[in-house]
Protein backbone atom coordinates (compact mmCIF):
# COMPACT_ATOMS: atom_id res chain seq x y z
CA MET A 1 -0.01 0.01 0.00
CA ILE A 2 2.78 2.40 0.99
CA ALA A 3 4.83 1.62 -2.06
CA ILE A 4 1.91 2.19 -4.45
CA ALA A 5 1.12 5.44 -2.69
CA ARG A 6 4.60 6.72 -3.01
CA ASN A 7 4.80 5.90 -6.73
CA ARG A 8 1.68 7.92 -7.44
CA SER A 9 2.56 11.28 -6.03
CA ILE A 10 4.18 13.05 -3.11
CA PHE A 11 0.65 13.88 -1.77
CA ALA A 12 -0.59 10.17 -1.73
CA LEU A 13 -1.87 8.57 1.45
CA SER A 14 0.32 6.03 3.15
CA ARG A 15 -1.87 4.99 6.19
CA ARG A 16 -5.30 5.21 7.62
CA HIS A 17 -4.16 7.65 10.14
CA GLU A 18 -2.30 10.29 8.08
CA ASN A 19 0.13 12.28 10.24
CA GLY A 20 -1.56 11.24 13.45
CA PHE A 21 -5.08 12.52 12.74
CA SER A 22 -7.69 9.70 12.02
CA CYS A 23 -9.01 9.26 8.59
CA GLY A 24 -11.54 6.87 7.29
CA ALA A 25 -10.45 3.94 5.17
CA ASP A 26 -12.10 3.23 1.83
CA THR A 27 -11.78 -0.51 1.67
CA GLN A 28 -15.22 -1.49 3.01
CA GLU A 29 -18.20 -1.66 0.60
CA ASP A 30 -20.74 0.03 2.91
CA MET A 31 -18.39 2.97 3.51
CA LYS A 32 -19.95 6.45 2.97
CA LEU A 33 -16.80 8.54 3.36
CA THR A 34 -13.95 7.60 1.13
CA ARG A 35 -10.36 8.55 1.92
CA GLU A 36 -10.65 11.44 -0.52
CA GLN A 37 -13.77 12.77 1.20
CA CYS A 38 -12.14 12.60 4.69
CA ASN A 39 -9.12 14.48 3.22
CA GLY A 40 -11.59 16.99 1.75
CA MET A 41 -13.10 17.64 5.22
CA LYS A 42 -9.63 18.04 6.80
CA GLY A 43 -8.58 20.38 3.91
CA TYR A 44 -11.50 22.59 4.71
CA ALA A 45 -10.80 22.35 8.41
CA ILE A 46 -7.12 23.34 8.25
CA LEU A 47 -7.71 26.20 5.86
CA LEU A 48 -10.36 27.65 8.20
CA ILE A 49 -8.14 27.22 11.26
CA MET A 50 -4.80 28.52 9.80
CA ILE A 51 -6.39 31.73 8.26
CA HIS A 52 -8.51 32.30 11.36
CA ASN A 53 -5.44 32.12 13.66
CA PHE A 54 -3.53 34.57 11.43
CA VAL A 55 -6.16 37.23 10.81
CA ASP A 56 -7.79 36.99 14.26
CA HIS A 57 -5.10 39.18 15.73
CA LEU A 58 -5.11 41.53 12.75
CA MET A 59 -8.87 42.16 12.79
CA GLY A 60 -9.03 42.22 16.62
CA MET A 61 -12.67 40.93 16.49
CA GLY A 62 -12.53 38.00 18.68
CA CYS A 63 -14.87 34.86 18.42
CA ASN A 64 -17.03 32.37 20.35
CA GLU A 65 -14.68 29.35 20.24
CA MET A 66 -14.05 28.89 23.84
CA ALA A 67 -16.54 31.22 25.60
CA TYR A 68 -19.40 33.22 24.20
CA SER A 69 -18.48 36.80 23.54
CA PRO A 70 -21.33 39.26 23.28
CA THR A 71 -18.99 42.06 22.16
CA ALA A 72 -17.48 40.00 19.30
CA THR A 73 -20.85 38.76 18.22
CA ALA A 74 -22.33 42.25 18.23
CA ASP A 75 -19.33 43.56 16.18
CA PHE A 76 -19.64 40.76 13.62
CA ILE A 77 -23.38 41.37 13.22
CA SER A 78 -22.78 45.02 12.89
CA MET A 79 -20.16 44.70 10.25
CA ALA A 80 -22.32 42.17 8.34
CA THR A 81 -24.52 45.03 7.32
CA SER A 82 -21.82 47.58 6.45
CA GLN A 83 -18.08 46.84 6.11
CA LEU A 84 -17.77 43.16 6.54
CA SER A 85 -14.60 41.64 4.74
CA ILE A 86 -13.59 38.01 4.08
CA TRP A 87 -10.93 38.39 6.84
CA HIS A 88 -13.58 39.47 9.36
CA ILE A 89 -15.53 36.27 8.52
CA PHE A 90 -12.43 34.09 9.00
CA SER A 91 -11.59 35.89 12.17
CA PHE A 92 -15.04 35.21 13.64
CA THR A 93 -15.90 31.86 12.21
CA GLY A 94 -12.67 30.04 11.25
CA TRP A 95 -12.43 28.16 14.61
CA ILE A 96 -15.22 25.83 13.49
CA GLY A 97 -12.64 23.83 11.57
CA VAL A 98 -11.71 22.08 14.81
CA ALA A 99 -15.14 20.31 14.77
CA LEU A 100 -14.30 18.86 11.38
CA PHE A 101 -11.00 17.41 12.54
CA LEU A 102 -12.67 15.82 15.54
CA PHE A 103 -15.48 14.36 13.43
CA VAL A 104 -13.02 12.74 11.06
CA SER A 105 -10.97 11.49 13.96
CA GLY A 106 -13.96 9.80 15.64
CA TYR A 107 -15.15 8.42 12.27
CA GLY A 108 -11.74 6.97 11.35
CA LEU A 109 -11.07 5.49 14.79
CA MET A 110 -14.44 3.84 14.79
CA ARG A 111 -14.05 2.37 11.32
CA LYS A 112 -10.62 0.97 12.19
CA TYR A 113 -11.01 -0.11 15.82
CA GLY A 114 -14.68 -0.19 16.56
CA SER A 115 -15.27 -3.93 15.99
CA GLU A 116 -11.83 -5.37 16.65
CA ALA A 117 -9.92 -6.44 19.66
CA VAL A 118 -7.31 -3.76 20.47
CA ASN A 119 -3.99 -3.93 22.27
CA LYS A 120 -4.74 -0.90 24.46
CA SER A 121 -1.20 -0.29 25.70
CA HIS A 122 0.26 -0.36 22.18
CA PHE A 123 -2.61 1.68 20.89
CA VAL A 124 -2.00 4.54 23.38
CA ARG A 125 1.85 4.20 23.05
CA ARG A 126 1.80 4.43 19.34
CA HIS A 127 -0.56 7.42 19.18
CA VAL A 128 1.33 9.33 21.80
CA ILE A 129 4.61 8.75 19.94
CA LYS A 130 2.91 10.05 16.74
CA LEU A 131 1.79 13.15 18.61
CA TRP A 132 5.17 13.73 20.06
CA ILE A 133 6.94 13.39 16.66
CA LEU A 134 4.52 16.05 15.33
CA LEU A 135 4.68 18.35 18.40
CA ILE A 136 8.09 18.35 19.97
CA PRO A 137 10.47 19.56 17.25
CA VAL A 138 8.30 22.55 16.20
CA TYR A 139 7.19 23.28 19.64
CA LEU A 140 10.71 23.61 20.93
CA LEU A 141 11.71 25.69 17.92
CA TYR A 142 8.83 27.98 18.70
CA VAL A 143 9.82 28.35 22.35
CA LEU A 144 13.39 29.22 21.39
CA VAL A 145 12.55 31.68 18.68
CA GLN A 146 9.86 33.45 20.80
CA GLN A 147 12.23 33.83 23.68
CA TYR A 148 15.40 34.92 21.83
CA TRP A 149 14.01 36.80 18.94
CA CYS A 150 10.68 38.05 20.19
CA GLY A 151 11.73 38.46 23.77
CA GLU A 152 8.68 36.57 25.20
CA PRO A 153 10.06 33.67 27.28
CA HIS A 154 7.97 30.67 28.33
CA ASN A 155 7.93 29.39 31.88
CA TRP A 156 9.22 25.82 32.49
CA GLN A 157 5.98 24.71 34.00
CA SER A 158 3.99 25.50 30.81
CA ILE A 159 6.78 23.77 28.69
CA ILE A 160 6.78 20.58 30.68
CA ALA A 161 2.97 20.48 30.83
CA GLN A 162 2.73 20.99 27.00
CA LEU A 163 5.27 18.30 26.23
CA THR A 164 3.59 15.83 28.46
CA LEU A 165 0.11 16.75 26.89
CA MET A 166 -1.24 17.58 30.32
CA ILE A 167 -1.47 21.33 30.07
CA ASN A 168 -5.24 21.25 29.04
CA LEU A 169 -6.07 19.90 32.45
CA LEU A 170 -3.68 22.17 34.38
CA SER A 171 -4.39 25.52 32.62
CA TYR A 172 -7.05 27.63 34.24
CA GLY A 173 -7.54 31.34 34.23
CA ASP A 174 -4.32 33.27 34.66
CA ASN A 175 -2.34 30.55 36.52
CA GLN A 176 1.17 29.61 35.56
CA PHE A 177 0.14 27.01 32.95
CA VAL A 178 -0.19 28.97 29.74
CA ILE A 179 -1.09 27.24 26.42
CA GLU A 180 1.16 29.00 23.93
CA PRO A 181 0.67 28.84 21.02
CA GLY A 182 -2.98 28.66 21.97
CA VAL A 183 -4.03 26.26 19.12
CA TYR A 184 -1.68 23.56 20.75
CA TRP A 185 -4.46 22.79 23.15
CA PHE A 186 -5.63 20.32 20.57
CA PHE A 187 -2.70 17.93 21.23
CA GLY A 188 -3.74 17.35 24.77
CA ALA A 189 -7.40 17.05 23.86
CA ILE A 190 -6.85 14.61 21.13
CA LEU A 191 -4.93 12.33 23.49
CA GLN A 192 -7.94 12.58 25.89
CA PHE A 193 -10.19 11.54 23.03
CA TYR A 194 -7.98 8.46 22.26
CA LEU A 195 -8.39 7.33 25.85
CA VAL A 196 -12.05 7.96 25.87
CA PHE A 197 -12.45 6.11 22.60
CA LEU A 198 -10.82 3.00 24.07
CA PHE A 199 -13.46 3.09 26.80
CA ILE A 200 -16.58 3.69 24.70
CA ARG A 201 -15.87 2.16 21.30
CA LYS A 202 -17.96 -1.01 22.11
CA TRP A 203 -20.86 0.93 23.49
CA ARG A 204 -24.31 0.31 21.78
CA THR A 205 -25.48 3.08 19.44
CA ASN A 206 -28.25 4.11 21.83
CA TRP A 207 -25.73 4.61 24.61
CA LEU A 208 -23.55 6.84 22.17
CA ILE A 209 -26.64 8.87 21.31
CA ALA A 210 -27.49 9.32 24.95
CA ALA A 211 -23.93 10.46 25.69
CA LEU A 212 -24.18 12.96 22.85
CA VAL A 213 -27.31 14.42 24.32
CA CYS A 214 -25.64 14.56 27.78
CA LEU A 215 -22.61 16.41 26.32
CA LEU A 216 -24.86 18.99 24.65
CA ALA A 217 -26.82 19.39 28.00
CA LEU A 218 -23.39 19.84 29.70
CA HIS A 219 -22.43 22.51 27.24
CA TYR A 220 -25.54 24.43 28.13
CA PHE A 221 -24.82 24.10 31.79
CA PHE A 222 -21.25 25.49 31.43
CA LEU A 223 -22.53 28.18 29.01
CA TYR A 224 -25.06 29.62 31.38
CA HIS A 225 -24.00 28.81 34.83
CA THR A 226 -20.11 29.19 34.94
CA ASN A 227 -17.71 32.07 34.38
CA ASP A 228 -15.38 32.47 31.43
CA ASP A 229 -12.35 30.85 32.97
CA THR A 230 -14.32 27.72 33.80
CA MET A 231 -15.89 27.82 30.31
CA TRP A 232 -12.40 28.06 28.72
CA TRP A 233 -11.29 24.97 30.78
CA PHE A 234 -14.28 23.08 29.61
CA ARG A 235 -13.73 23.86 25.99
CA GLN A 236 -9.96 23.12 25.96
CA ASN A 237 -10.55 19.58 27.13
CA CYS A 238 -12.21 16.63 25.37
CA ILE A 239 -15.50 17.00 27.34
CA GLY A 240 -16.16 20.43 25.77
CA TRP A 241 -15.62 19.11 22.18
CA GLY A 242 -17.19 15.66 22.67
CA ALA A 243 -20.21 16.32 20.34
CA PRO A 244 -18.37 16.34 16.97
CA PHE A 245 -16.12 13.33 18.01
CA MET A 246 -19.27 11.34 19.04
CA LEU A 247 -20.97 12.27 15.83
CA GLY A 248 -18.07 10.82 13.91
CA MET A 249 -18.33 7.61 15.84
CA LEU A 250 -22.08 7.38 15.23
CA ALA A 251 -21.56 8.16 11.54
CA ALA A 252 -19.25 5.30 11.15
CA ARG A 253 -21.98 3.02 12.50
CA THR A 254 -24.58 3.90 9.99
CA ARG A 255 -24.93 2.79 6.37
CA TRP A 256 -27.30 5.63 5.28
CA GLN A 257 -26.50 6.85 1.86
CA PRO A 258 -28.05 10.22 1.05
CA THR A 259 -28.85 11.31 -2.52
CA LYS A 260 -27.11 14.30 -4.07
CA TRP A 261 -30.37 16.27 -3.94
CA LEU A 262 -30.61 15.54 -0.21
CA LEU A 263 -26.97 16.49 0.34
CA ALA A 264 -27.60 19.82 -1.48
CA ILE A 265 -30.59 20.58 0.76
CA ILE A 266 -28.63 19.71 3.87
CA CYS A 267 -25.67 21.80 2.70
CA LEU A 268 -27.93 24.84 2.17
CA VAL A 269 -30.00 24.45 5.37
CA SER A 270 -26.97 23.83 7.57
CA PHE A 271 -25.13 26.89 6.04
CA VAL A 272 -28.01 29.12 6.99
CA THR A 273 -28.48 27.60 10.32
CA LEU A 274 -24.71 27.85 11.02
CA PHE A 275 -24.92 31.71 10.95
CA PHE A 276 -27.55 31.71 13.64
CA CYS A 277 -25.66 29.11 15.75
CA LEU A 278 -22.51 31.35 15.47
CA THR A 279 -24.32 34.52 16.56
CA THR A 280 -26.93 33.30 19.02
CA LYS A 281 -25.92 32.22 22.50
CA ALA A 282 -28.75 29.79 22.94
CA LEU A 283 -27.67 27.88 19.76
CA THR A 284 -23.98 27.97 20.20
CA PRO A 285 -23.74 24.21 21.42
CA PHE A 286 -25.05 23.22 17.97
CA THR A 287 -22.42 25.12 16.02
CA GLU A 288 -20.27 22.04 15.61
CA VAL A 289 -23.22 19.89 14.43
CA CYS A 290 -24.14 22.40 11.75
CA THR A 291 -20.43 22.69 10.68
CA ILE A 292 -20.25 18.97 10.24
CA LEU A 293 -23.44 18.86 8.29
CA PHE A 294 -22.41 21.77 5.90
CA PHE A 295 -18.80 20.70 5.19
CA GLY A 296 -19.56 16.92 5.30
CA SER A 297 -22.23 17.33 2.57
CA LEU A 298 -19.97 19.78 0.70
CA SER A 299 -17.20 17.19 0.73
CA LEU A 300 -19.58 14.47 -0.53
CA LEU A 301 -20.89 16.79 -3.33
CA LEU A 302 -17.53 18.27 -4.48
CA ASN A 303 -14.22 16.59 -5.00
CA ILE A 304 -11.70 19.42 -5.22
CA LYS A 305 -8.25 17.80 -5.58
CA ALA A 306 -6.45 20.91 -4.22
CA ILE A 307 -8.53 20.72 -1.01
CA ASN A 308 -7.90 16.97 -0.73
CA ALA A 309 -4.14 17.54 -1.21
CA ILE A 310 -4.13 20.18 1.63
CA GLY A 311 -6.17 17.63 3.76
CA ILE A 312 -3.29 15.12 3.38
CA ILE A 313 -0.70 17.38 4.91
CA SER A 314 -3.22 18.99 7.31
CA ALA A 315 -1.48 17.66 10.53
CA SER A 316 1.78 19.22 9.40
CA ILE A 317 0.01 22.44 8.60
CA PHE A 318 -1.58 22.41 12.05
CA VAL A 319 1.72 22.15 13.81
CA ILE A 320 3.70 24.49 11.42
CA HIS A 321 1.28 27.46 11.06
CA PRO A 322 1.53 28.95 14.70
CA PHE A 323 5.30 29.05 14.24
CA MET A 324 5.02 30.87 10.89
CA ARG A 325 2.42 33.18 12.27
CA MET A 326 4.82 34.34 15.00
CA VAL A 327 7.72 34.59 12.58
CA LEU A 328 5.68 36.69 9.99
CA TYR A 329 4.15 38.96 12.62
CA LYS A 330 7.65 39.82 13.76
CA ALA A 331 9.15 40.07 10.28
CA LEU A 332 6.32 42.03 8.72
CA SER A 333 5.47 44.31 11.62
CA ASN A 334 7.11 47.30 10.03
CA CYS A 335 6.10 46.61 6.48
CA ASP A 336 3.34 48.67 4.91
CA ILE A 337 1.47 45.90 3.12
CA GLY A 338 -2.16 45.00 3.02
CA VAL A 339 -3.82 42.10 4.95
CA ALA A 340 -4.33 40.21 1.65
CA ALA A 341 -0.62 40.29 0.85
CA MET A 342 0.27 39.28 4.37
CA VAL A 343 -2.23 36.33 4.27
CA ALA A 344 -0.81 35.29 0.85
CA ILE A 345 2.77 35.21 2.12
CA TYR A 346 1.61 33.33 5.20
CA ILE A 347 -0.39 30.68 3.32
CA ILE A 348 2.44 30.01 0.73
CA SER A 349 5.13 29.78 3.37
CA VAL A 350 2.98 27.46 5.57
CA LEU A 351 2.14 25.18 2.72
CA VAL A 352 5.71 24.85 1.61
CA LEU A 353 7.19 24.17 5.11
CA SER A 354 4.29 21.89 5.89
CA LEU A 355 4.97 19.72 2.73
CA ILE A 356 8.59 19.40 3.84
CA HIS A 357 7.50 18.51 7.43
CA HIS A 358 4.98 15.97 5.98
CA LEU A 359 7.63 14.19 3.97
CA LEU A 360 10.13 14.17 6.90
CA TYR A 361 7.41 12.88 9.17
CA LYS A 362 6.52 10.04 6.85
CA ARG A 363 10.20 9.08 6.56
CA VAL A 364 10.53 9.02 10.39
CA PHE A 365 7.26 6.95 10.86
CA SER A 366 7.51 4.83 7.67
CA SER A 367 8.65 1.59 9.47
CA ASN A 368 5.78 -0.73 9.90
CA PRO A 369 4.63 -0.58 13.50
CA ARG A 370 3.29 -3.49 15.45
CA PRO A 371 -0.47 -3.84 14.83
CA ASP A 372 -2.80 -2.15 17.28
CA THR A 373 -5.14 -5.10 17.05
CA HIS A 374 -4.82 -8.77 18.16
């Protein structure tokens, strides 16, 4: 499989779990999501995330990713009727790409391990090693560059907590455990999802649906009955993002095959609904659900090879883009160029470095590991 993939192109897939982020296999006849469709969803996800994280500071708008912000929401709605730009849209909405990553992860894990006996210790060890290979080199480079070039040192507690993937649990409010770069909260959260998956993968479908309902109810509780610090802690751990992951697991269990007309209707309705979920506090827990319905149906309807190719290297983009954002903010701070030019330079540099990182990662992790199943 790996030899065939390498002969086809440098973007070809080599494993079910490309770069450590789960992807559905396309070998089973009842499969709804092919490997290309999974890569398409990851491509949309990483484009949303990387552009959002770059323009968010430039626009200064804020968003509702971790906690609901009435100010950011009011600014976005106000600009929607006057001077709204594409960069304001990415700044306010781009974080929804995280839900797509988690959906594909839950889907791929369930397809691969849902019905098989799993060597749990090897499963955990293998996935932790893959996360470390992705995280450690770029993170340590980020810390060194930020300290000695940008003059912003990290404290040793945060560094150790990040490297051990425990910082999500320890970071709260303004304590000494600071997640920097902020997007790296995902590494600790995905490890939590791996552990949770081992526990719930054999649950009956009804139990998974009940758990999904409970997670949405819990989201409402934290949204209305806790302060912002507690809400941030909830959202930076797996319990705060359980809905899209659980939806991926449930999707892997069903053989429902919607028609193209139905997909088009779902795509349109979910797109309209997504706007209200993003801007209405009472609907925010359903933002991830609408995101999955919209981009999932879009990936099934459209096969855009460029998006699929970006999805293949999405894990490398995820780990590289915070570093390049920091470097370009510093390097271009005194340059009088527009936002569009800065974004173009950023996207091109991230894609080039991510492709190199992706190829190096494949070389390091190309040896055939022991199987996770027995």
